[in-house]
């Protein structure tokens, strides 16, 4: 007898696998293997799209070249109440507001 997995079970498995893949991609990017780092991010994104779950928020990656944003692959600046993260591989810019954190 086969049992269909519930949506919560599927998303739980997907989240753990995505977290593991993103952690492995950060390690590979830090050690200087960008091809494998991009592959891990791509696999995590495919799992996310297939299972309709969100990517882990603590792992930031470039949406243009799929490179994980770690200190050796990105440049971080604070400007105009925004965190500006520039990818050193493709030059793409990611802006994250932090005005709420300053007010507290």
PDB file of N, CA and C in Angstrom:
ATOM      1  N   UNK A   1       0.826  -1.176   0.000  1.00  0.00           N
ATOM      2  CA  UNK A   1       0.000   0.000   0.000  1.00  0.00           C
ATOM      3  C   UNK A   1       0.879   1.252   0.000  1.00  0.00           C
ATOM      4  N   UNK A   2       0.633   2.144  -0.906  1.00  0.00           N
ATOM      5  CA  UNK A   2       1.411   3.381  -0.941  1.00  0.00           C
ATOM      6  C   UNK A   2       0.609   4.499  -0.282  1.00  0.00           C
ATOM      7  N   UNK A   3       1.332   5.370   0.339  1.00  0.00           N
ATOM      8  CA  UNK A   3       0.716   6.496   1.039  1.00  0.00           C
ATOM      9  C   UNK A   3       1.246   7.777   0.425  1.00  0.00           C
ATOM     10  N   UNK A   4       0.346   8.658   0.048  1.00  0.00           N
ATOM     11  CA  UNK A   4       0.762   9.947  -0.492  1.00  0.00           C
ATOM     12  C   UNK A   4       1.267  10.836   0.629  1.00  0.00           C
ATOM     13  N   UNK A   5       2.334  11.554   0.354  1.00  0.00           N
ATOM     14  CA  UNK A   5       2.890  12.453   1.362  1.00  0.00           C
ATOM     15  C   UNK A   5       2.047  13.715   1.433  1.00  0.00           C
ATOM     16  N   UNK A   6       1.897  14.220   2.612  1.00  0.00           N
ATOM     17  CA  UNK A   6       1.144  15.454   2.815  1.00  0.00           C
ATOM     18  C   UNK A   6       2.012  16.651   2.417  1.00  0.00           C
ATOM     19  N   UNK A   7       1.362  17.773   2.164  1.00  0.00           N
ATOM     20  CA  UNK A   7       2.060  18.995   1.734  1.00  0.00           C
ATOM     21  C   UNK A   7       3.079  19.446   2.773  1.00  0.00           C
ATOM     22  N   UNK A   8       2.759  19.339   4.052  1.00  0.00           N
ATOM     23  CA  UNK A   8       3.669  19.770   5.111  1.00  0.00           C
ATOM     24  C   UNK A   8       4.927  18.902   5.138  1.00  0.00           C
ATOM     25  N   UNK A   9       4.765  17.617   4.907  1.00  0.00           N
ATOM     26  CA  UNK A   9       5.923  16.718   4.871  1.00  0.00           C
ATOM     27  C   UNK A   9       6.846  17.058   3.709  1.00  0.00           C
ATOM     28  N   UNK A  10       6.247  17.299   2.562  1.00  0.00           N
ATOM     29  CA  UNK A  10       7.026  17.625   1.373  1.00  0.00           C
ATOM     30  C   UNK A  10       7.792  18.924   1.574  1.00  0.00           C
ATOM     31  N   UNK A  11       7.120  19.955   2.107  1.00  0.00           N
ATOM     32  CA  UNK A  11       7.799  21.233   2.294  1.00  0.00           C
ATOM     33  C   UNK A  11       8.877  21.139   3.376  1.00  0.00           C
ATOM     34  N   UNK A  12       8.664  20.303   4.378  1.00  0.00           N
ATOM     35  CA  UNK A  12       9.686  20.121   5.410  1.00  0.00           C
ATOM     36  C   UNK A  12      10.949  19.489   4.862  1.00  0.00           C
ATOM     37  N   UNK A  13      10.776  18.451   4.046  1.00  0.00           N
ATOM     38  CA  UNK A  13      11.921  17.801   3.414  1.00  0.00           C
ATOM     39  C   UNK A  13      12.621  18.775   2.464  1.00  0.00           C
ATOM     40  N   UNK A  14      11.834  19.531   1.713  1.00  0.00           N
ATOM     41  CA  UNK A  14      12.407  20.490   0.765  1.00  0.00           C
ATOM     42  C   UNK A  14      13.217  21.564   1.491  1.00  0.00           C
ATOM     43  N   UNK A  15      12.713  22.065   2.611  1.00  0.00           N
ATOM     44  CA  UNK A  15      13.431  23.107   3.349  1.00  0.00           C
ATOM     45  C   UNK A  15      14.762  22.601   3.875  1.00  0.00           C
ATOM     46  N   UNK A  16      14.788  21.376   4.407  1.00  0.00           N
ATOM     47  CA  UNK A  16      16.055  20.857   4.922  1.00  0.00           C
ATOM     48  C   UNK A  16      17.063  20.635   3.795  1.00  0.00           C
ATOM     49  N   UNK A  17      16.601  20.155   2.662  1.00  0.00           N
ATOM     50  CA  UNK A  17      17.511  19.932   1.537  1.00  0.00           C
ATOM     51  C   UNK A  17      18.022  21.251   0.975  1.00  0.00           C
ATOM     52  N   UNK A  18      17.133  22.262   0.885  1.00  0.00           N
ATOM     53  CA  UNK A  18      17.570  23.563   0.386  1.00  0.00           C
ATOM     54  C   UNK A  18      18.586  24.194   1.330  1.00  0.00           C
ATOM     55  N   UNK A  19      18.362  24.090   2.636  1.00  0.00           N
ATOM     56  CA  UNK A  19      19.316  24.649   3.596  1.00  0.00           C
ATOM     57  C   UNK A  19      20.670  23.970   3.467  1.00  0.00           C
ATOM     58  N   UNK A  20      20.658  22.657   3.311  1.00  0.00           N
ATOM     59  CA  UNK A  20      21.912  21.916   3.173  1.00  0.00           C
ATOM     60  C   UNK A  20      22.635  22.322   1.886  1.00  0.00           C
ATOM     61  N   UNK A  21      21.906  22.422   0.783  1.00  0.00           N
ATOM     62  CA  UNK A  21      22.515  22.819  -0.486  1.00  0.00           C
ATOM     63  C   UNK A  21      23.078  24.237  -0.424  1.00  0.00           C
ATOM     64  N   UNK A  22      22.349  25.159   0.211  1.00  0.00           N
ATOM     65  CA  UNK A  22      22.828  26.532   0.299  1.00  0.00           C
ATOM     66  C   UNK A  22      24.065  26.624   1.186  1.00  0.00           C
ATOM     67  N   UNK A  23      24.109  25.846   2.262  1.00  0.00           N
ATOM     68  CA  UNK A  23      25.297  25.840   3.119  1.00  0.00           C
ATOM     69  C   UNK A  23      26.496  25.286   2.349  1.00  0.00           C
ATOM     70  N   UNK A  24      26.267  24.231   1.577  1.00  0.00           N
ATOM     71  CA  UNK A  24      27.348  23.663   0.776  1.00  0.00           C
ATOM     72  C   UNK A  24      27.814  24.645  -0.302  1.00  0.00           C
ATOM     73  N   UNK A  25      26.893  25.424  -0.861  1.00  0.00           N
ATOM     74  CA  UNK A  25      27.279  26.398  -1.884  1.00  0.00           C
ATOM     75  C   UNK A  25      28.124  27.514  -1.281  1.00  0.00           C
ATOM     76  N   UNK A  26      27.807  27.937  -0.059  1.00  0.00           N
ATOM     77  CA  UNK A  26      28.629  28.963   0.594  1.00  0.00           C
ATOM     78  C   UNK A  26      30.038  28.449   0.856  1.00  0.00           C
ATOM     79  N   UNK A  27      30.138  27.187   1.276  1.00  0.00           N
ATOM     80  CA  UNK A  27      31.460  26.599   1.515  1.00  0.00           C
ATOM     81  C   UNK A  27      32.276  26.554   0.223  1.00  0.00           C
ATOM     82  N   UNK A  28      31.649  26.131  -0.859  1.00  0.00           N
ATOM     83  CA  UNK A  28      32.354  26.025  -2.142  1.00  0.00           C
ATOM     84  C   UNK A  28      32.755  27.397  -2.677  1.00  0.00           C
ATOM     85  N   UNK A  29      31.889  28.404  -2.495  1.00  0.00           N
ATOM     86  CA  UNK A  29      32.224  29.748  -2.968  1.00  0.00           C
ATOM     87  C   UNK A  29      33.398  30.313  -2.161  1.00  0.00           C
ATOM     88  N   UNK A  30      33.424  30.039  -0.866  1.00  0.00           N
ATOM     89  CA  UNK A  30      34.518  30.526  -0.029  1.00  0.00           C
ATOM     90  C   UNK A  30      35.832  29.830  -0.366  1.00  0.00           C
ATOM     91  N   UNK A  31      35.761  28.549  -0.736  1.00  0.00           N
ATOM     92  CA  UNK A  31      36.984  27.810  -1.049  1.00  0.00           C
ATOM     93  C   UNK A  31      37.463  28.039  -2.481  1.00  0.00           C
ATOM     94  N   UNK A  32      36.671  28.734  -3.293  1.00  0.00           N
ATOM     95  CA  UNK A  32      37.118  29.085  -4.639  1.00  0.00           C
ATOM     96  C   UNK A  32      36.649  28.157  -5.733  1.00  0.00           C
ATOM     97  N   UNK A  33      35.498  27.517  -5.582  1.00  0.00           N
ATOM     98  CA  UNK A  33      34.939  26.645  -6.618  1.00  0.00           C
ATOM     99  C   UNK A  33      33.584  27.207  -7.053  1.00  0.00           C
ATOM    100  N   UNK A  34      33.572  28.240  -7.922  1.00  0.00           N
ATOM    101  CA  UNK A  34      32.309  28.896  -8.277  1.00  0.00           C
ATOM    102  C   UNK A  34      31.354  28.034  -9.090  1.00  0.00           C
ATOM    103  N   UNK A  35      31.865  27.110  -9.885  1.00  0.00           N
ATOM    104  CA  UNK A  35      31.000  26.280 -10.722  1.00  0.00           C
ATOM    105  C   UNK A  35      30.115  25.389  -9.847  1.00  0.00           C
ATOM    106  N   UNK A  36      30.710  24.738  -8.869  1.00  0.00           N
ATOM    107  CA  UNK A  36      29.946  23.866  -7.982  1.00  0.00           C
ATOM    108  C   UNK A  36      29.026  24.674  -7.074  1.00  0.00           C
ATOM    109  N   UNK A  37      29.465  25.874  -6.657  1.00  0.00           N
ATOM    110  CA  UNK A  37      28.625  26.736  -5.822  1.00  0.00           C
ATOM    111  C   UNK A  37      27.356  27.139  -6.573  1.00  0.00           C
ATOM    112  N   UNK A  38      27.511  27.510  -7.838  1.00  0.00           N
ATOM    113  CA  UNK A  38      26.332  27.872  -8.654  1.00  0.00           C
ATOM    114  C   UNK A  38      25.410  26.675  -8.863  1.00  0.00           C
ATOM    115  N   UNK A  39      25.989  25.512  -9.045  1.00  0.00           N
ATOM    116  CA  UNK A  39      25.193  24.298  -9.251  1.00  0.00           C
ATOM    117  C   UNK A  39      24.328  24.008  -8.030  1.00  0.00           C
ATOM    118  N   UNK A  40      24.905  24.147  -6.831  1.00  0.00           N
ATOM    119  CA  UNK A  40      24.143  23.913  -5.603  1.00  0.00           C
ATOM    120  C   UNK A  40      23.000  24.913  -5.455  1.00  0.00           C
ATOM    121  N   UNK A  41      23.255  26.179  -5.774  1.00  0.00           N
ATOM    122  CA  UNK A  41      22.185  27.190  -5.698  1.00  0.00           C
ATOM    123  C   UNK A  41      21.097  26.870  -6.718  1.00  0.00           C
ATOM    124  N   UNK A  42      21.482  26.457  -7.905  1.00  0.00           N
ATOM    125  CA  UNK A  42      20.507  26.107  -8.942  1.00  0.00           C
ATOM    126  C   UNK A  42      19.637  24.931  -8.499  1.00  0.00           C
ATOM    127  N   UNK A  43      20.249  23.916  -7.904  1.00  0.00           N
ATOM    128  CA  UNK A  43      19.470  22.778  -7.412  1.00  0.00           C
ATOM    129  C   UNK A  43      18.494  23.202  -6.318  1.00  0.00           C
ATOM    130  N   UNK A  44      18.943  24.070  -5.410  1.00  0.00           N
ATOM    131  CA  UNK A  44      18.058  24.552  -4.336  1.00  0.00           C
ATOM    132  C   UNK A  44      16.888  25.344  -4.922  1.00  0.00           C
ATOM    133  N   UNK A  45      17.149  26.179  -5.933  1.00  0.00           N
ATOM    134  CA  UNK A  45      16.074  26.941  -6.569  1.00  0.00           C
ATOM    135  C   UNK A  45      15.067  26.026  -7.263  1.00  0.00           C
ATOM    136  N   UNK A  46      15.557  24.973  -7.907  1.00  0.00           N
ATOM    137  CA  UNK A  46      14.652  24.039  -8.575  1.00  0.00           C
ATOM    138  C   UNK A  46      13.768  23.308  -7.569  1.00  0.00           C
ATOM    139  N   UNK A  47      14.348  22.919  -6.440  1.00  0.00           N
ATOM    140  CA  UNK A  47      13.546  22.288  -5.383  1.00  0.00           C
ATOM    141  C   UNK A  47      12.488  23.266  -4.894  1.00  0.00           C
ATOM    142  N   UNK A  48      12.877  24.530  -4.714  1.00  0.00           N
ATOM    143  CA  UNK A  48      11.946  25.557  -4.245  1.00  0.00           C
ATOM    144  C   UNK A  48      10.787  25.750  -5.221  1.00  0.00           C
ATOM    145  N   UNK A  49      11.095  25.804  -6.503  1.00  0.00           N
ATOM    146  CA  UNK A  49      10.040  26.010  -7.497  1.00  0.00           C
ATOM    147  C   UNK A  49       9.134  24.795  -7.624  1.00  0.00           C
ATOM    148  N   UNK A  50       9.712  23.601  -7.571  1.00  0.00           N
ATOM    149  CA  UNK A  50       8.921  22.391  -7.741  1.00  0.00           C
ATOM    150  C   UNK A  50       7.966  22.172  -6.570  1.00  0.00           C
ATOM    151  N   UNK A  51       8.436  22.457  -5.346  1.00  0.00           N
ATOM    152  CA  UNK A  51       7.604  22.207  -4.162  1.00  0.00           C
ATOM    153  C   UNK A  51       6.843  23.446  -3.707  1.00  0.00           C
ATOM    154  N   UNK A  52       7.056  24.572  -4.380  1.00  0.00           N
ATOM    155  CA  UNK A  52       6.389  25.844  -4.056  1.00  0.00           C
ATOM    156  C   UNK A  52       6.657  26.263  -2.612  1.00  0.00           C
ATOM    157  N   UNK A  53       7.912  26.183  -2.202  1.00  0.00           N
ATOM    158  CA  UNK A  53       8.339  26.669  -0.889  1.00  0.00           C
ATOM    159  C   UNK A  53       9.335  27.792  -1.110  1.00  0.00           C
ATOM    160  N   UNK A  54       9.469  28.669  -0.120  1.00  0.00           N
ATOM    161  CA  UNK A  54      10.390  29.794  -0.238  1.00  0.00           C
ATOM    162  C   UNK A  54      11.819  29.352   0.025  1.00  0.00           C
ATOM    163  N   UNK A  55      12.746  30.045  -0.597  1.00  0.00           N
ATOM    164  CA  UNK A  55      14.161  29.805  -0.336  1.00  0.00           C
ATOM    165  C   UNK A  55      14.484  30.291   1.081  1.00  0.00           C
ATOM    166  N   UNK A  56      15.466  29.693   1.738  1.00  0.00           N
ATOM    167  CA  UNK A  56      15.842  30.154   3.078  1.00  0.00           C
ATOM    168  C   UNK A  56      16.297  31.611   3.044  1.00  0.00           C
ATOM    169  N   UNK A  57      15.805  32.423   3.967  1.00  0.00           N
ATOM    170  CA  UNK A  57      16.084  33.856   3.967  1.00  0.00           C
ATOM    171  C   UNK A  57      17.521  34.187   4.374  1.00  0.00           C
ATOM    172  N   UNK A  58      18.139  33.340   5.191  1.00  0.00           N
ATOM    173  CA  UNK A  58      19.472  33.673   5.681  1.00  0.00           C
ATOM    174  C   UNK A  58      20.554  33.461   4.640  1.00  0.00           C
ATOM    175  N   UNK A  59      20.231  32.812   3.532  1.00  0.00           N
ATOM    176  CA  UNK A  59      21.201  32.577   2.472  1.00  0.00           C
ATOM    177  C   UNK A  59      20.863  33.487   1.302  1.00  0.00           C
ATOM    178  N   UNK A  60      21.755  34.438   1.019  1.00  0.00           N
ATOM    179  CA  UNK A  60      21.529  35.387  -0.070  1.00  0.00           C
ATOM    180  C   UNK A  60      22.361  34.941  -1.268  1.00  0.00           C
ATOM    181  N   UNK A  61      21.773  35.023  -2.456  1.00  0.00           N
ATOM    182  CA  UNK A  61      22.478  34.664  -3.679  1.00  0.00           C
ATOM    183  C   UNK A  61      22.132  35.677  -4.758  1.00  0.00           C
ATOM    184  N   UNK A  62      22.993  35.780  -5.748  1.00  0.00           N
ATOM    185  CA  UNK A  62      22.775  36.686  -6.873  1.00  0.00           C
ATOM    186  C   UNK A  62      21.744  36.057  -7.810  1.00  0.00           C
ATOM    187  N   UNK A  63      20.716  36.800  -8.131  1.00  0.00           N
ATOM    188  CA  UNK A  63      19.662  36.263  -8.985  1.00  0.00           C
ATOM    189  C   UNK A  63      20.068  36.242 -10.464  1.00  0.00           C
ATOM    190  N   UNK A  64      21.129  36.961 -10.816  1.00  0.00           N
ATOM    191  CA  UNK A  64      21.576  36.977 -12.208  1.00  0.00           C
ATOM    192  C   UNK A  64      22.509  35.806 -12.521  1.00  0.00           C
ATOM    193  N   UNK A  65      23.524  35.588 -11.663  1.00  0.00           N
ATOM    194  CA  UNK A  65      24.517  34.551 -11.969  1.00  0.00           C
ATOM    195  C   UNK A  65      24.470  33.379 -10.988  1.00  0.00           C
ATOM    196  N   UNK A  66      23.540  33.404 -10.020  1.00  0.00           N
ATOM    197  CA  UNK A  66      23.327  32.332  -9.038  1.00  0.00           C
ATOM    198  C   UNK A  66      24.535  32.079  -8.138  1.00  0.00           C
ATOM    199  N   UNK A  67      25.358  33.086  -7.933  1.00  0.00           N
ATOM    200  CA  UNK A  67      26.521  32.947  -7.052  1.00  0.00           C
ATOM    201  C   UNK A  67      26.097  33.296  -5.626  1.00  0.00           C
ATOM    202  N   UNK A  68      26.446  32.472  -4.633  1.00  0.00           N
ATOM    203  CA  UNK A  68      26.104  32.816  -3.250  1.00  0.00           C
ATOM    204  C   UNK A  68      26.871  34.061  -2.813  1.00  0.00           C
ATOM    205  N   UNK A  69      26.197  34.933  -2.090  1.00  0.00           N
ATOM    206  CA  UNK A  69      26.805  36.180  -1.650  1.00  0.00           C
ATOM    207  C   UNK A  69      27.554  35.961  -0.341  1.00  0.00           C
ATOM    208  N   UNK A  70      28.833  35.707  -0.448  1.00  0.00           N
ATOM    209  CA  UNK A  70      29.720  35.579   0.707  1.00  0.00           C
ATOM    210  C   UNK A  70      30.756  36.693   0.583  1.00  0.00           C
ATOM    211  N   UNK A  71      31.500  36.999   1.644  1.00  0.00           N
ATOM    212  CA  UNK A  71      32.435  38.128   1.581  1.00  0.00           C
ATOM    213  C   UNK A  71      33.453  38.073   0.432  1.00  0.00           C
ATOM    214  N   UNK A  72      33.834  36.894  -0.032  1.00  0.00           N
ATOM    215  CA  UNK A  72      34.821  36.843  -1.115  1.00  0.00           C
ATOM    216  C   UNK A  72      34.188  36.992  -2.498  1.00  0.00           C
ATOM    217  N   UNK A  73      32.862  36.910  -2.602  1.00  0.00           N
ATOM    218  CA  UNK A  73      32.214  37.044  -3.911  1.00  0.00           C
ATOM    219  C   UNK A  73      31.315  38.271  -3.997  1.00  0.00           C
ATOM    220  N   UNK A  74      31.270  39.101  -2.940  1.00  0.00           N
ATOM    221  CA  UNK A  74      30.389  40.268  -2.969  1.00  0.00           C
ATOM    222  C   UNK A  74      31.009  41.413  -2.165  1.00  0.00           C
ATOM    223  N   UNK A  75      30.498  42.594  -2.411  1.00  0.00           N
ATOM    224  CA  UNK A  75      30.925  43.789  -1.690  1.00  0.00           C
ATOM    225  C   UNK A  75      29.687  44.395  -1.033  1.00  0.00           C
ATOM    226  N   UNK A  76      29.768  44.676   0.258  1.00  0.00           N
ATOM    227  CA  UNK A  76      28.629  45.190   1.016  1.00  0.00           C
ATOM    228  C   UNK A  76      28.903  46.635   1.409  1.00  0.00           C
ATOM    229  N   UNK A  77      27.936  47.512   1.145  1.00  0.00           N
ATOM    230  CA  UNK A  77      28.030  48.921   1.512  1.00  0.00           C
ATOM    231  C   UNK A  77      26.720  49.346   2.161  1.00  0.00           C
ATOM    232  N   UNK A  78      26.798  50.322   3.076  1.00  0.00           N
ATOM    233  CA  UNK A  78      25.615  50.909   3.694  1.00  0.00           C
ATOM    234  C   UNK A  78      25.454  52.313   3.130  1.00  0.00           C
ATOM    235  N   UNK A  79      24.303  52.578   2.522  1.00  0.00           N
ATOM    236  CA  UNK A  79      24.092  53.871   1.903  1.00  0.00           C
ATOM    237  C   UNK A  79      22.599  54.173   1.833  1.00  0.00           C
ATOM    238  N   UNK A  80      22.221  55.372   2.247  1.00  0.00           N
ATOM    239  CA  UNK A  80      20.846  55.865   2.152  1.00  0.00           C
ATOM    240  C   UNK A  80      19.834  54.887   2.752  1.00  0.00           C
ATOM    241  N   UNK A  81      20.093  54.418   3.959  1.00  0.00           N
ATOM    242  CA  UNK A  81      19.198  53.514   4.678  1.00  0.00           C
ATOM    243  C   UNK A  81      18.963  52.197   3.936  1.00  0.00           C
ATOM    244  N   UNK A  82      19.968  51.778   3.176  1.00  0.00           N
ATOM    245  CA  UNK A  82      19.886  50.516   2.459  1.00  0.00           C
ATOM    246  C   UNK A  82      21.206  49.771   2.601  1.00  0.00           C
ATOM    247  N   UNK A  83      21.109  48.442   2.646  1.00  0.00           N
ATOM    248  CA  UNK A  83      22.290  47.599   2.541  1.00  0.00           C
ATOM    249  C   UNK A  83      22.432  47.283   1.059  1.00  0.00           C
ATOM    250  N   UNK A  84      23.546  47.672   0.460  1.00  0.00           N
ATOM    251  CA  UNK A  84      23.759  47.454  -0.966  1.00  0.00           C
ATOM    252  C   UNK A  84      24.819  46.367  -1.124  1.00  0.00           C
ATOM    253  N   UNK A  85      24.427  45.260  -1.738  1.00  0.00           N
ATOM    254  CA  UNK A  85      25.319  44.127  -1.935  1.00  0.00           C
ATOM    255  C   UNK A  85      25.568  43.981  -3.436  1.00  0.00           C
ATOM    256  N   UNK A  86      26.840  44.157  -3.830  1.00  0.00           N
ATOM    257  CA  UNK A  86      27.200  44.044  -5.245  1.00  0.00           C
ATOM    258  C   UNK A  86      27.920  42.726  -5.474  1.00  0.00           C
ATOM    259  N   UNK A  87      27.453  41.994  -6.464  1.00  0.00           N
ATOM    260  CA  UNK A  87      28.085  40.736  -6.856  1.00  0.00           C
ATOM    261  C   UNK A  87      29.357  41.062  -7.627  1.00  0.00           C
ATOM    262  N   UNK A  88      30.469  40.460  -7.233  1.00  0.00           N
ATOM    263  CA  UNK A  88      31.742  40.714  -7.915  1.00  0.00           C
ATOM    264  C   UNK A  88      31.896  39.868  -9.179  1.00  0.00           C
ATOM    265  N   UNK A  89      31.011  38.906  -9.389  1.00  0.00           N
ATOM    266  CA  UNK A  89      31.066  38.071 -10.585  1.00  0.00           C
ATOM    267  C   UNK A  89      30.397  38.748 -11.779  1.00  0.00           C
ATOM    268  N   UNK A  90      29.161  39.230 -11.569  1.00  0.00           N
ATOM    269  CA  UNK A  90      28.414  39.806 -12.690  1.00  0.00           C
ATOM    270  C   UNK A  90      28.123  41.303 -12.530  1.00  0.00           C
ATOM    271  N   UNK A  91      28.306  41.853 -11.321  1.00  0.00           N
ATOM    272  CA  UNK A  91      28.073  43.275 -11.103  1.00  0.00           C
ATOM    273  C   UNK A  91      26.658  43.629 -10.716  1.00  0.00           C
ATOM    274  N   UNK A  92      25.796  42.656 -10.519  1.00  0.00           N
ATOM    275  CA  UNK A  92      24.406  42.913 -10.138  1.00  0.00           C
ATOM    276  C   UNK A  92      24.352  43.497  -8.730  1.00  0.00           C
ATOM    277  N   UNK A  93      23.352  44.340  -8.464  1.00  0.00           N
ATOM    278  CA  UNK A  93      23.228  45.028  -7.194  1.00  0.00           C
ATOM    279  C   UNK A  93      21.940  44.615  -6.496  1.00  0.00           C
ATOM    280  N   UNK A  94      22.023  44.272  -5.222  1.00  0.00           N
ATOM    281  CA  UNK A  94      20.860  43.908  -4.412  1.00  0.00           C
ATOM    282  C   UNK A  94      20.750  44.925  -3.302  1.00  0.00           C
ATOM    283  N   UNK A  95      19.563  45.509  -3.147  1.00  0.00           N
ATOM    284  CA  UNK A  95      19.328  46.529  -2.119  1.00  0.00           C
ATOM    285  C   UNK A  95      18.345  45.999  -1.093  1.00  0.00           C
ATOM    286  N   UNK A  96      18.727  46.099   0.186  1.00  0.00           N
ATOM    287  CA  UNK A  96      17.876  45.650   1.287  1.00  0.00           C
ATOM    288  C   UNK A  96      17.696  46.825   2.225  1.00  0.00           C
ATOM    289  N   UNK A  97      16.467  47.313   2.446  1.00  0.00           N
ATOM    290  CA  UNK A  97      16.276  48.448   3.355  1.00  0.00           C
ATOM    291  C   UNK A  97      16.515  48.059   4.811  1.00  0.00           C
ATOM    292  N   UNK A  98      17.073  49.005   5.603  1.00  0.00           N
ATOM    293  CA  UNK A  98      17.272  48.744   7.021  1.00  0.00           C
ATOM    294  C   UNK A  98      16.836  49.922   7.874  1.00  0.00           C
ATOM    295  N   UNK A  99      15.912  50.730   7.397  1.00  0.00           N
ATOM    296  CA  UNK A  99      15.436  51.897   8.124  1.00  0.00           C
ATOM    297  C   UNK A  99      14.724  51.496   9.408  1.00  0.00           C
ATOM    298  N   UNK A 100      13.947  50.405   9.377  1.00  0.00           N
ATOM    299  CA  UNK A 100      13.202  49.961  10.549  1.00  0.00           C
ATOM    300  C   UNK A 100      14.157  49.584  11.688  1.00  0.00           C
ATOM    301  N   UNK A 101      15.264  48.943  11.368  1.00  0.00           N
ATOM    302  CA  UNK A 101      16.223  48.542  12.386  1.00  0.00           C
ATOM    303  C   UNK A 101      16.910  49.752  13.004  1.00  0.00           C
ATOM    304  N   UNK A 102      17.099  50.828  12.229  1.00  0.00           N
ATOM    305  CA  UNK A 102      17.726  52.028  12.763  1.00  0.00           C
ATOM    306  C   UNK A 102      16.817  52.738  13.747  1.00  0.00           C
ATOM    307  N   UNK A 103      15.513  52.718  13.523  1.00  0.00           N
ATOM    308  CA  UNK A 103      14.566  53.419  14.395  1.00  0.00           C
ATOM    309  C   UNK A 103      14.438  52.765  15.758  1.00  0.00           C
ATOM    310  N   UNK A 104      14.670  51.456  15.832  1.00  0.00           N
ATOM    311  CA  UNK A 104      14.507  50.741  17.088  1.00  0.00           C
ATOM    312  C   UNK A 104      15.657  50.919  18.032  1.00  0.00           C
TER     313      UNK A 104
END
